Amino acid sequence: MKNILIVDDEDLICYSLSAALRRNDTFVKTASCAQDALAEINRTFYNLCFLDIRLPDADGLDLMKTVKATSPATKIIIMTANEIEEDLMKDIHQNSWYFLPKPFELDDVRLLVDRA
């Protein structure tokens, strides 16, 4: 069984990713803020975490580092629709498994999850 956590404050992103990734062998949970995401990471092991950079209660990059420290085996996929400066991109590449720019195709995300 794979566990996937989706952390994004956009309901449409959470709904779309959840619907696309939910299968018989996959459990998908969503969180709309960093506080809820941390509670989930502390409660359950997640194989994969989709994480938006901009969250209402925290910087997603700070949360990325916390998730990595709390659950090193969790693969983190950073998502954003914003331009990323070069120094931030280096940080993302060092602390995450993959960078996924928005908008994205759900078929591509499914392939990415299979690869993870």
Protein backbone atom coordinates (compact mmCIF):
# COMPACT_ATOMS: atom_id res chain seq x y z
CA MET A 1 0.00 0.00 0.00
CA LYS A 2 1.34 3.43 -1.00
CA ASN A 3 0.49 6.49 1.08
CA ILE A 4 0.45 9.86 -0.65
CA LEU A 5 0.02 13.24 1.05
CA ILE A 6 -1.03 16.25 -1.03
CA VAL A 7 -0.39 19.64 0.60
CA ASP A 8 -1.97 22.55 -1.28
CA ASP A 9 -4.39 25.31 -0.31
CA GLU A 10 -6.14 25.10 -3.69
CA ASP A 11 -9.12 22.76 -3.41
CA LEU A 12 -9.10 21.99 -7.13
CA ILE A 13 -5.48 20.80 -7.03
CA CYS A 14 -6.16 18.59 -4.00
CA TYR A 15 -9.32 17.15 -5.56
CA SER A 16 -7.77 16.55 -8.99
CA LEU A 17 -4.61 14.93 -7.69
CA SER A 18 -6.56 12.80 -5.20
CA ALA A 19 -8.92 11.55 -7.87
CA ALA A 20 -6.09 10.85 -10.31
CA LEU A 21 -3.89 9.00 -7.81
CA ARG A 22 -6.38 7.03 -5.75
CA ARG A 23 -6.19 3.33 -6.61
CA ASN A 24 -6.75 0.03 -4.80
CA ASP A 25 -3.13 0.01 -3.63
CA THR A 26 -2.89 3.75 -2.85
CA PHE A 27 -4.18 5.83 0.06
CA VAL A 28 -4.36 9.58 -0.62
CA LYS A 29 -4.75 12.26 2.06
CA THR A 30 -4.88 16.02 1.56
CA ALA A 31 -3.91 18.94 3.77
CA SER A 32 -4.54 22.61 3.02
CA CYS A 33 -1.93 24.06 5.40
CA ALA A 34 1.45 23.28 6.92
CA GLN A 35 0.04 22.61 10.38
CA ASP A 36 -2.27 19.87 9.08
CA ALA A 37 0.51 18.44 6.91
CA LEU A 38 2.90 18.16 9.86
CA ALA A 39 0.23 16.45 11.94
CA GLU A 40 -0.23 13.90 9.14
CA ILE A 41 3.52 13.33 8.71
CA ASN A 42 3.84 12.72 12.46
CA ARG A 43 0.84 10.35 12.48
CA THR A 44 1.38 8.29 9.31
CA PHE A 45 4.28 7.35 7.06
CA TYR A 46 3.83 8.75 3.55
CA ASN A 47 5.81 7.35 0.64
CA LEU A 48 5.22 10.51 -1.35
CA CYS A 49 4.33 14.10 -0.50
CA PHE A 50 3.15 16.62 -3.10
CA LEU A 51 3.94 20.01 -1.57
CA ASP A 52 2.99 23.46 -2.80
CA ILE A 53 5.49 26.23 -2.10
CA ARG A 54 2.90 28.80 -1.07
CA LEU A 55 0.77 27.82 1.90
CA PRO A 56 -1.41 30.08 4.04
CA ASP A 57 0.43 29.39 7.31
CA ALA A 58 4.03 28.64 6.27
CA ASP A 59 6.60 28.70 3.52
CA GLY A 60 6.44 25.42 1.64
CA LEU A 61 10.23 25.28 1.35
CA ASP A 62 10.58 25.43 5.13
CA LEU A 63 7.97 22.69 5.39
CA MET A 64 9.92 20.66 2.81
CA LYS A 65 12.98 20.69 5.09
CA THR A 66 10.88 19.77 8.13
CA VAL A 67 9.25 16.85 6.29
CA LYS A 68 12.65 15.68 5.10
CA ALA A 69 14.03 15.80 8.64
CA THR A 70 10.95 14.16 10.19
CA SER A 71 10.46 11.48 7.54
CA PRO A 72 13.64 11.07 5.46
CA ALA A 73 12.19 8.18 3.43
CA THR A 74 9.28 10.31 2.16
CA LYS A 75 9.87 11.48 -1.39
CA ILE A 76 8.86 15.13 -1.75
CA ILE A 77 7.53 16.63 -4.97
CA ILE A 78 7.53 20.43 -4.88
CA MET A 79 4.78 22.15 -6.88
CA THR A 80 4.38 25.78 -7.85
CA ALA A 81 3.01 28.01 -10.58
CA ASN A 82 5.48 30.77 -9.70
CA GLU A 83 8.90 31.57 -11.12
CA ILE A 84 11.68 30.16 -8.97
CA GLU A 85 14.96 32.00 -8.47
CA GLU A 86 18.14 30.04 -9.07
CA ASP A 87 19.19 29.85 -5.40
CA LEU A 88 15.74 28.57 -4.39
CA MET A 89 15.83 26.01 -7.19
CA LYS A 90 19.13 24.67 -5.83
CA ASP A 91 17.47 24.32 -2.42
CA ILE A 92 14.53 22.48 -3.99
CA HIS A 93 16.82 20.07 -5.85
CA GLN A 94 18.83 19.35 -2.69
CA ASN A 95 15.80 18.71 -0.47
CA SER A 96 13.14 17.25 -2.74
CA TRP A 97 12.82 14.31 -5.07
CA TYR A 98 11.20 16.18 -7.95
CA PHE A 99 10.07 19.66 -9.03
CA LEU A 100 6.63 19.81 -10.69
CA PRO A 101 5.67 23.13 -12.28
CA LYS A 102 1.99 24.04 -12.41
CA PRO A 103 -0.04 23.60 -14.50
CA PHE A 104 0.65 19.92 -15.04
CA GLU A 105 -0.99 17.02 -16.84
CA LEU A 106 -2.53 14.38 -14.57
CA ASP A 107 -1.26 11.60 -16.83
CA ASP A 108 2.29 12.89 -16.29
CA VAL A 109 1.70 12.91 -12.52
CA ARG A 110 0.50 9.29 -12.60
CA LEU A 111 3.69 8.28 -14.44
CA LEU A 112 5.73 10.22 -11.90
CA VAL A 113 4.05 8.40 -9.02
CA ASP A 114 4.65 5.04 -10.69
CA ARG A 115 8.32 5.96 -11.06
CA ALA A 116 8.58 6.97 -7.39
